[in-house]
Protein backbone atom coordinates (compact mmCIF):
# COMPACT_ATOMS: atom_id res chain seq x y z
CA MET A 1 -5.96 0.91 19.93
CA ALA A 2 -8.53 -1.28 18.59
CA ALA A 3 -8.27 -4.42 17.71
CA PRO A 4 -7.79 -4.91 13.68
CA VAL A 5 -10.36 -6.63 11.60
CA LEU A 6 -7.57 -7.76 8.69
CA SER A 7 -4.37 -7.93 9.77
CA TYR A 8 -1.60 -9.73 7.33
CA GLU A 9 1.98 -10.69 9.34
CA ASP A 10 5.24 -11.88 7.70
CA LEU A 11 3.92 -11.15 4.79
CA GLY A 12 6.31 -11.96 2.21
CA LEU A 13 6.01 -12.05 -1.59
CA VAL A 14 8.48 -13.56 -4.74
CA GLN A 15 8.51 -11.57 -7.61
CA GLY A 16 11.20 -12.53 -10.82
CA SER A 17 13.85 -14.10 -9.29
CA GLY A 18 13.94 -12.28 -6.14
CA TRP A 19 11.89 -11.11 -3.04
CA LEU A 20 9.43 -8.11 -3.93
CA PHE A 21 9.37 -7.60 0.08
CA ARG A 22 9.35 -9.80 2.91
CA HIS A 23 8.17 -10.15 7.01
CA LEU A 24 5.73 -6.94 6.35
CA ASP A 25 3.00 -6.67 8.98
CA ILE A 26 0.49 -5.49 8.46
CA HIS A 27 -3.08 -3.69 10.81
CA ILE A 28 -6.09 -2.77 9.27
CA GLY A 29 -8.49 -1.34 12.10
CA PRO A 30 -12.53 -0.72 11.88
CA ARG A 31 -12.14 2.99 11.19
CA ASP A 32 -8.72 3.24 9.66
CA ARG A 33 -7.96 5.62 7.37
CA LEU A 34 -4.85 4.51 5.53
CA ALA A 35 -2.56 6.24 3.17
CA LEU A 36 -0.45 3.11 1.44
CA ILE A 37 2.79 5.39 -0.14
CA GLY A 38 5.90 4.22 -1.98
CA ARG A 39 7.76 4.98 -4.54
CA ASN A 40 6.50 3.14 -8.69
CA GLY A 41 7.03 -0.37 -8.54
CA ALA A 42 7.38 -0.72 -4.49
CA GLY A 43 4.76 -2.98 -4.80
CA LYS A 44 1.66 -0.95 -4.45
CA SER A 45 -0.61 -2.53 -5.99
CA THR A 46 0.40 -5.76 -5.51
CA LEU A 47 -0.12 -5.22 -1.53
CA LEU A 48 -3.06 -3.72 -1.88
CA LYS A 49 -4.31 -7.45 -3.73
CA LEU A 50 -2.95 -9.14 -0.68
CA ILE A 51 -4.73 -7.30 1.28
CA ALA A 52 -8.46 -8.53 -0.74
CA GLY A 53 -7.34 -11.67 -0.79
CA ILE A 54 -7.21 -11.89 -4.35
CA ILE A 55 -3.71 -12.97 -4.80
CA ASP A 56 -2.31 -15.56 -2.35
CA SER A 57 1.87 -14.48 -0.73
CA ASP A 58 4.61 -16.93 -0.30
CA GLU A 59 5.33 -16.42 3.06
CA GLY A 60 2.82 -15.06 6.24
CA ARG A 61 -0.69 -15.25 7.20
CA ARG A 62 -3.73 -13.33 6.49
CA MET A 63 -6.60 -12.66 9.40
CA ILE A 64 -10.09 -11.43 9.06
CA VAL A 65 -12.47 -10.96 11.56
CA PRO A 66 -15.66 -13.29 10.32
CA GLY A 67 -18.11 -11.11 8.53
CA THR A 68 -15.74 -8.40 7.09
CA HIS A 69 -16.49 -7.92 3.62
CA VAL A 70 -13.22 -6.26 1.86
CA VAL A 71 -14.02 -4.74 -1.37
CA TYR A 72 -10.65 -3.55 -4.47
CA LEU A 73 -11.73 -0.69 -6.12
CA GLU A 74 -8.56 -1.89 -9.16
CA GLN A 75 -6.91 1.00 -10.79
CA ASP A 76 -7.80 -0.36 -14.30
CA PRO A 77 -10.50 -3.01 -14.55
CA ASP A 78 -11.41 -5.09 -17.13
CA LEU A 79 -15.17 -4.31 -18.73
CA SER A 80 -14.36 -5.90 -21.94
CA ALA A 81 -17.10 -8.62 -21.27
CA CYS A 82 -19.97 -6.25 -20.13
CA ALA A 83 -22.84 -4.62 -22.55
CA THR A 84 -23.06 -1.71 -20.72
CA LEU A 85 -22.18 -0.47 -17.67
CA MET A 86 -24.55 -1.07 -15.63
CA ASP A 87 -23.64 -4.94 -16.37
CA TYR A 88 -20.14 -4.12 -15.17
CA VAL A 89 -21.24 -2.88 -12.02
CA LEU A 90 -23.50 -5.78 -11.04
CA SER A 91 -21.13 -8.55 -12.56
CA GLY A 92 -18.98 -10.70 -10.49
CA GLU A 93 -19.14 -12.47 -7.17
CA GLY A 94 -20.83 -10.12 -4.16
CA ALA A 95 -22.50 -7.82 -6.84
CA PRO A 96 -24.59 -5.04 -5.33
CA GLU A 97 -27.94 -4.65 -5.50
CA SER A 98 -29.49 -2.70 -8.80
CA TYR A 99 -30.88 -0.05 -6.59
CA GLU A 100 -28.42 0.83 -4.55
CA ALA A 101 -25.95 1.21 -7.56
CA GLU A 102 -29.04 3.31 -8.74
CA ALA A 103 -29.14 5.44 -5.81
CA ILE A 104 -24.93 6.12 -5.59
CA ALA A 105 -24.55 6.98 -9.78
CA GLY A 106 -27.37 9.08 -9.59
CA GLN A 107 -25.59 10.87 -6.46
CA LEU A 108 -21.73 10.85 -8.57
CA GLY A 109 -23.93 11.79 -11.99
CA ILE A 110 -22.70 8.40 -14.51
CA ASP A 111 -25.60 7.35 -16.71
CA LEU A 112 -24.77 3.34 -16.25
CA THR A 113 -26.74 2.26 -19.38
CA ARG A 114 -23.59 3.51 -21.31
CA ASP A 115 -22.03 1.14 -24.16
CA ALA A 116 -19.02 0.16 -21.91
CA SER A 117 -16.99 -0.40 -25.03
CA THR A 118 -17.93 2.98 -25.43
CA ALA A 119 -17.61 5.27 -22.70
CA SER A 120 -14.81 6.87 -21.36
CA GLY A 121 -11.78 6.90 -18.83
CA GLY A 122 -13.95 9.17 -16.60
CA GLU A 123 -17.08 7.23 -16.73
CA LYS A 124 -15.85 3.35 -16.10
CA ARG A 125 -14.17 5.56 -13.29
CA ARG A 126 -17.29 6.40 -11.77
CA ALA A 127 -19.18 2.88 -12.46
CA ALA A 128 -16.43 0.84 -11.18
CA ILE A 129 -16.55 3.15 -7.64
CA VAL A 130 -19.92 2.76 -7.97
CA ARG A 131 -19.61 -1.18 -7.79
CA ALA A 132 -17.30 -0.82 -4.71
CA LEU A 133 -19.67 1.51 -2.89
CA ALA A 134 -22.34 0.07 -3.80
CA MET A 135 -21.22 -3.57 -1.71
CA ASN A 136 -21.55 -1.93 1.56
CA PRO A 137 -17.84 -2.59 2.58
CA ASP A 138 -16.20 -2.79 5.72
CA VAL A 139 -13.20 -2.48 4.64
CA LEU A 140 -12.80 -0.21 1.45
CA LEU A 141 -9.13 -0.89 -0.45
CA LEU A 142 -8.71 1.88 -3.36
CA ASP A 143 -6.12 2.09 -5.82
CA GLU A 144 -5.73 5.66 -7.27
CA PRO A 145 -9.46 6.35 -6.91
CA THR A 146 -9.32 9.43 -8.45
CA ASN A 147 -8.18 9.14 -11.77
CA HIS A 148 -10.15 10.64 -14.25
CA LEU A 149 -12.20 12.57 -12.41
CA ASP A 150 -12.61 15.53 -12.40
CA LEU A 151 -12.71 18.11 -9.29
CA ALA A 152 -17.09 17.96 -8.80
CA ALA A 153 -16.57 13.67 -8.84
CA ILE A 154 -13.62 14.21 -6.69
CA GLU A 155 -15.23 16.18 -4.00
CA TRP A 156 -18.10 13.38 -4.14
CA LEU A 157 -16.07 11.06 -3.27
CA GLU A 158 -14.20 12.71 -0.70
CA ASP A 159 -17.07 13.67 1.21
CA TRP A 160 -18.43 9.83 0.82
CA LEU A 161 -15.51 8.72 2.22
CA LYS A 162 -15.64 11.01 5.05
CA ARG A 163 -19.00 9.58 5.56
CA PHE A 164 -18.08 6.48 5.76
CA THR A 165 -17.81 4.39 9.22
CA GLY A 166 -15.67 1.15 7.92
CA ALA A 167 -11.76 0.92 6.98
CA PHE A 168 -10.08 2.41 4.09
CA VAL A 169 -6.53 2.17 2.54
CA VAL A 170 -5.78 4.73 -0.75
CA ILE A 171 -2.82 4.72 -3.14
CA SER A 172 -3.33 7.42 -4.86
CA HIS A 173 -1.07 10.61 -6.57
CA ASP A 174 -3.31 13.69 -5.14
CA ARG A 175 -1.87 14.95 -2.41
CA THR A 176 -5.00 17.19 -2.08
CA PHE A 177 -6.80 14.31 -1.50
CA LEU A 178 -4.49 11.79 0.87
CA THR A 179 -3.82 15.24 3.13
CA ARG A 180 -7.27 15.74 3.34
CA LEU A 181 -8.47 12.03 3.56
CA THR A 182 -6.19 10.26 6.04
CA LYS A 183 -5.44 9.55 9.38
CA SER A 184 -2.35 7.13 8.90
CA THR A 185 0.58 6.42 6.75
CA LEU A 186 1.80 2.92 5.34
CA TRP A 187 4.95 3.19 3.92
CA LEU A 188 6.79 0.76 1.67
CA ASP A 189 10.04 1.58 1.28
CA ARG A 190 12.70 -0.60 0.13
CA GLY A 191 10.98 -3.90 0.76
CA GLN A 192 10.01 -2.64 4.78
CA MET A 193 7.12 -1.19 5.78
CA ARG A 194 6.65 1.89 7.91
CA ARG A 195 3.49 2.68 9.91
CA ASN A 196 2.91 6.47 11.63
CA GLU A 197 0.10 7.27 13.11
CA VAL A 198 0.16 10.66 10.44
CA GLY A 199 -2.24 11.20 7.98
CA PHE A 200 -0.34 11.85 4.46
CA GLY A 201 -0.39 15.69 5.86
CA GLY A 202 2.98 14.79 7.92
CA PHE A 203 4.65 12.37 5.47
CA ASP A 204 7.50 14.52 4.60
CA ALA A 205 8.37 15.54 7.83
CA TRP A 206 8.00 12.15 8.85
CA THR A 207 10.06 11.08 5.72
CA GLU A 208 13.00 13.75 6.49
CA GLN A 209 12.88 12.12 9.74
CA VAL A 210 13.59 8.93 9.27
CA TYR A 211 15.99 9.50 6.74
CA ALA A 212 18.38 11.49 9.26
CA GLU A 213 18.25 8.98 11.79
CA GLU A 214 19.15 6.36 8.80
CA GLN A 215 22.14 8.77 7.91
CA ARG A 216 23.04 8.60 11.60
CA ALA A 217 23.64 5.35 11.96
CA ALA A 218 25.62 4.79 8.28
CA GLU A 219 27.97 7.53 9.79
CA LYS A 220 28.27 5.24 13.24
CA LEU A 221 28.63 2.26 11.36
CA ASP A 222 31.01 3.16 8.89
CA ALA A 223 33.10 4.51 11.60
CA LYS A 224 33.02 1.14 13.18
CA LEU A 225 34.21 -0.04 9.44
CA LYS A 226 36.84 1.89 9.22
CA ILE A 227 38.47 0.88 12.27
CA GLU A 228 37.39 -3.03 11.65
CA GLU A 229 39.52 -2.17 8.29
CA HIS A 230 42.51 -0.95 9.78
CA TRP A 231 42.96 -3.61 12.43
CA LEU A 232 42.35 -6.56 8.95
CA HIS A 233 44.71 -4.29 7.01
CA ARG A 234 47.58 -4.93 9.38
CA GLY A 235 48.29 -8.35 8.72
CA VAL A 236 45.40 -10.64 10.96
CA THR A 237 46.24 -14.01 10.99
CA ALA A 238 42.83 -15.87 10.16
CA ARG A 239 43.45 -19.07 11.76
CA ARG A 240 43.21 -17.60 15.84
CA LYS A 241 40.71 -18.28 16.63
CA ARG A 242 39.58 -14.71 18.73
CA ASN A 243 40.59 -13.35 15.17
CA GLN A 244 37.97 -15.53 13.82
CA GLY A 245 35.21 -14.25 15.18
CA ARG A 246 36.11 -10.64 14.34
CA LEU A 247 36.30 -11.26 11.12
CA GLU A 248 32.58 -12.62 11.26
CA LYS A 249 31.56 -9.66 12.42
CA LEU A 250 33.45 -7.46 10.10
CA VAL A 251 31.90 -9.35 7.81
CA GLN A 252 28.12 -8.54 8.66
CA MET A 253 28.98 -5.61 9.42
CA ARG A 254 29.77 -4.71 5.49
CA ALA A 255 26.38 -6.25 4.53
CA THR A 256 24.37 -4.06 7.46
CA ARG A 257 25.48 -1.42 6.26
CA ALA A 258 25.23 -2.51 1.83
CA ALA A 259 21.94 -3.10 3.42
CA MET A 260 21.62 0.19 4.22
CA ILE A 261 22.26 1.53 0.28
CA GLY A 262 19.12 1.36 -1.72
CA PRO A 263 17.09 3.50 -4.11
CA GLN A 264 15.59 6.84 -1.57
CA GLY A 265 13.49 7.20 -5.00
CA ALA A 266 10.52 9.83 -4.71
CA ALA A 267 6.75 8.85 -2.86
């Protein structure tokens, strides 16, 4: 496995009154094709922004190989300050050259002279894709890239990403898009991050295996808890030193079992 070009270790972020996630480790190799999967509200889009360096974490360390160009394709770009789609494409820090943007726009079938205020959702999405791809990224972070695109545009984007020599991480509800393109999967589940070196096509089988293992672990712990609860109900003298240690272990077991109970949801 190649050394990562971008990684985040022990990542944690507070949202509202608690941790959205904590102790996440993420490593992106130079040619990774990663699907980022998780139920709605798990923090997928927020995680992409953290990886991109757009927002800061409350814990953790972000490391990147010098010279690595990371580009983030956001789900809903703000074009309100731009007169035309071209103004948006060429705006901001690290904007692409106009000739590179025009070349990609011609292939994608979008007129960048279009008034931004009257552009459709599909036109805005194409303009955002043009901007991201024309910036010559080494790591491309894609948040719902196929939203508002017709089939021809989706197929064009698939072909471009198949030829792409860098790495990408993609969030998408388009199962076909993910299955065709991804080789590895990051699964954000109940505040934890799991990685498997299979693309989205193998995700369902993987999750079934994980849940089955969790169920077996829960049943084993339930059996232990039943024995300890029976011991406790017989009338334990907590003042005895040996019993204090056993009571502490019982409390820990209860906490562990409670942590297993969480929303499974649909990824």
